[in-house]
Protein backbone atom coordinates (compact mmCIF):
# COMPACT_ATOMS: atom_id res chain seq x y z
CA UNK A 1 102.75 16.81 53.21
CA UNK A 2 101.99 13.31 52.72
CA UNK A 3 103.06 10.49 50.59
CA UNK A 4 100.46 9.12 48.32
CA UNK A 5 100.81 5.63 45.96
CA UNK A 6 99.87 6.02 41.73
CA UNK A 7 98.97 4.11 39.52
CA UNK A 8 99.80 4.98 36.00
CA UNK A 9 96.34 3.79 33.80
CA UNK A 10 98.09 3.00 30.54
CA UNK A 11 102.14 0.96 31.83
CA UNK A 12 100.72 0.22 35.27
CA UNK A 13 103.72 1.41 36.72
CA UNK A 14 102.85 1.81 40.41
CA UNK A 15 104.98 5.39 42.08
CA UNK A 16 104.62 7.74 45.31
CA UNK A 17 104.01 11.56 45.46
CA UNK A 18 104.23 14.26 47.84
CA UNK A 19 101.07 16.29 47.07
CA UNK A 20 99.10 18.33 49.86
CA UNK A 21 95.86 17.66 51.53
CA UNK A 22 94.47 20.31 48.74
CA UNK A 23 95.71 19.29 45.18
CA UNK A 24 93.50 16.28 43.12
CA UNK A 25 93.96 12.87 42.61
CA UNK A 26 95.30 13.04 39.84
CA UNK A 27 99.20 12.89 38.38
CA UNK A 28 101.02 12.57 35.45
CA UNK A 29 102.49 9.49 35.04
CA UNK A 30 107.30 9.68 34.49
CA UNK A 31 106.62 6.88 32.81
CA UNK A 32 104.85 7.05 29.74
CA UNK A 33 103.46 10.79 30.67
CA UNK A 34 99.81 9.38 30.59
CA UNK A 35 97.07 9.36 33.85
CA UNK A 36 97.38 7.53 36.69
CA UNK A 37 95.57 7.90 39.77
CA UNK A 38 95.73 7.58 43.52
CA UNK A 39 95.77 3.82 45.24
CA UNK A 40 94.07 3.23 48.13
CA UNK A 41 94.77 0.01 50.34
CA UNK A 42 93.51 -0.79 54.19
CA UNK A 43 95.01 1.20 57.09
CA UNK A 44 97.55 -1.53 59.00
CA UNK A 45 95.78 -1.23 62.81
CA UNK A 46 97.59 -2.55 65.69
CA UNK A 47 95.62 -4.24 68.48
CA UNK A 48 98.54 -2.33 71.69
CA UNK A 49 97.58 -3.46 75.10
CA UNK A 50 95.11 -4.88 77.64
CA UNK A 51 90.77 -5.24 76.38
CA UNK A 52 91.40 -5.96 72.67
CA UNK A 53 90.75 -10.11 73.47
CA UNK A 54 87.97 -12.38 74.48
CA UNK A 55 89.86 -13.37 78.06
CA UNK A 56 90.26 -9.88 78.52
CA UNK A 57 87.23 -8.99 78.42
CA UNK A 58 85.76 -11.51 80.67
CA UNK A 59 85.68 -10.41 84.35
CA UNK A 60 85.21 -13.21 87.16
CA UNK A 61 81.81 -12.94 87.73
CA UNK A 62 81.52 -16.49 90.30
CA UNK A 63 80.09 -18.04 86.57
CA UNK A 64 80.73 -21.50 87.27
CA UNK A 65 82.22 -23.32 84.32
CA UNK A 66 81.27 -26.73 82.29
CA UNK A 67 84.75 -28.36 84.18
CA UNK A 68 83.68 -27.80 87.62
CA UNK A 69 81.18 -29.90 89.34
CA UNK A 70 77.58 -28.81 90.40
CA UNK A 71 77.64 -28.16 94.48
CA UNK A 72 74.58 -28.98 96.29
CA UNK A 73 73.49 -27.38 99.50
CA UNK A 74 72.81 -29.69 102.45
């Protein structure tokens, strides 16, 4: 069962509660017995492995960089 974070609408208490996916997102505050609502927060994203940086996606395409001197063919 997942654990959800709730905040009381009256006393602003934050608490965790294990609930099923099918339960309603409303609970009672353990401190003042008022209505508490589920708190949504962003999910942390971890970028692991190659391909997540700008330098990882650039391949050697034969392009010259700005620091190289142009070559001329005679």
